[in-house]
Amino acid sequence: MENDISFTTFWGVQILLCFISLLGIIFSILWICMARASKANQEEFEMRLTVFGRESEISALNRAENFDDEFFLTKRVLIQIYSAK
C-alpha cells in the first residue's frame, strides 16, 4: 500500500486543482458581469441612436419647412412681378 498513488498524498495537485477551479469561477463571474455591461452599453447605444435619428428627422423636417417657405416666398415674389406688368 505504500506505492498507492492517491490525491491525499499529493497536496500540490489538490492545491493546483482548487486554484484552477477558483480561476474558473472567477472568470465565469467576470464573463457574466461583462455580458450585462455589454448589454447595457448596447441599449444605451441604441437609445442614443434613436434620439439622434429623431433629431435628424426633426432637422430634416425643419429644413423642408424652410425650403417650402423659401419656395412659396419666391413664388409669391414672381407672381407679384408678373402681375405688376
Protein backbone atom coordinates (compact mmCIF):
# COMPACT_ATOMS: atom_id res chain seq x y z
CA MET A 1 0.00 0.00 0.00
CA GLU A 2 2.99 2.29 0.24
CA ASN A 3 3.17 2.59 -3.56
CA ASP A 4 -0.53 3.51 -3.82
CA ILE A 5 -0.92 6.82 -5.64
CA SER A 6 -3.83 8.92 -4.42
CA PHE A 7 -4.67 12.60 -4.22
CA THR A 8 -4.41 12.58 -0.45
CA THR A 9 -0.65 12.18 -0.61
CA PHE A 10 -0.18 14.88 -3.29
CA TRP A 11 -1.22 18.16 -1.71
CA GLY A 12 0.31 20.08 -4.57
CA VAL A 13 -2.12 18.50 -7.04
CA GLN A 14 -5.10 19.30 -4.81
CA ILE A 15 -3.98 22.89 -4.39
CA LEU A 16 -3.46 23.20 -8.14
CA LEU A 17 -6.93 21.79 -8.87
CA CYS A 18 -8.53 24.14 -6.32
CA PHE A 19 -6.67 27.08 -7.85
CA ILE A 20 -7.85 26.12 -11.35
CA SER A 21 -11.46 25.72 -10.19
CA LEU A 22 -11.34 29.09 -8.39
CA LEU A 23 -9.99 30.71 -11.54
CA GLY A 24 -12.86 29.14 -13.49
CA ILE A 25 -15.42 30.51 -11.03
CA ILE A 26 -13.85 33.98 -11.07
CA PHE A 27 -13.70 34.10 -14.87
CA SER A 28 -17.29 32.89 -15.21
CA ILE A 29 -18.47 35.65 -12.84
CA LEU A 30 -16.44 38.21 -14.80
CA TRP A 31 -17.92 36.85 -18.05
CA ILE A 32 -21.46 37.32 -16.72
CA CYS A 33 -20.69 40.86 -15.49
CA MET A 34 -19.13 41.78 -18.83
CA ALA A 35 -22.15 40.41 -20.70
CA ARG A 36 -24.51 42.51 -18.57
CA ALA A 37 -22.36 45.61 -19.04
CA SER A 38 -22.18 44.95 -22.76
CA LYS A 39 -25.97 44.64 -22.94
CA ALA A 40 -26.37 47.90 -21.00
CA ASN A 41 -23.92 49.63 -23.34
CA GLN A 42 -25.78 48.25 -26.35
CA GLU A 43 -29.12 49.51 -25.01
CA GLU A 44 -27.60 52.93 -24.32
CA PHE A 45 -26.10 52.99 -27.81
CA GLU A 46 -29.45 52.09 -29.38
CA MET A 47 -31.19 54.74 -27.27
CA ARG A 48 -28.70 57.39 -28.35
CA LEU A 49 -29.01 56.24 -31.95
CA THR A 50 -32.80 56.55 -31.71
CA VAL A 51 -32.51 60.04 -30.22
CA PHE A 52 -30.01 61.01 -32.91
CA GLY A 53 -32.35 59.60 -35.54
CA ARG A 54 -35.24 61.66 -34.17
CA GLU A 55 -33.07 64.77 -34.05
CA SER A 56 -32.01 64.24 -37.64
CA GLU A 57 -35.65 63.70 -38.66
CA ILE A 58 -36.65 66.91 -36.88
CA SER A 59 -33.83 68.86 -38.50
CA ALA A 60 -34.79 67.38 -41.88
CA LEU A 61 -38.40 68.48 -41.32
CA ASN A 62 -37.20 71.94 -40.33
CA ARG A 63 -35.09 72.14 -43.48
CA ALA A 64 -38.08 71.02 -45.54
CA GLU A 65 -40.29 73.67 -43.93
CA ASN A 66 -37.66 76.32 -44.56
CA PHE A 67 -37.35 75.13 -48.15
CA ASP A 68 -41.12 75.29 -48.60
CA ASP A 69 -41.21 78.79 -47.10
CA GLU A 70 -38.45 79.93 -49.43
CA PHE A 71 -40.16 78.28 -52.40
CA PHE A 72 -43.54 79.89 -51.68
CA LEU A 73 -41.90 83.24 -50.96
CA THR A 74 -40.12 83.08 -54.30
CA LYS A 75 -43.37 82.05 -55.98
CA ARG A 76 -45.20 85.00 -54.37
CA VAL A 77 -42.50 87.41 -55.47
CA LEU A 78 -42.64 86.08 -59.04
CA ILE A 79 -46.44 86.36 -59.07
CA GLN A 80 -46.20 89.95 -57.86
CA ILE A 81 -43.58 90.77 -60.50
CA TYR A 82 -45.60 89.25 -63.34
CA SER A 83 -48.90 90.69 -62.12
CA ALA A 84 -47.36 94.16 -61.95
CA LYS A 85 -46.55 94.01 -65.66
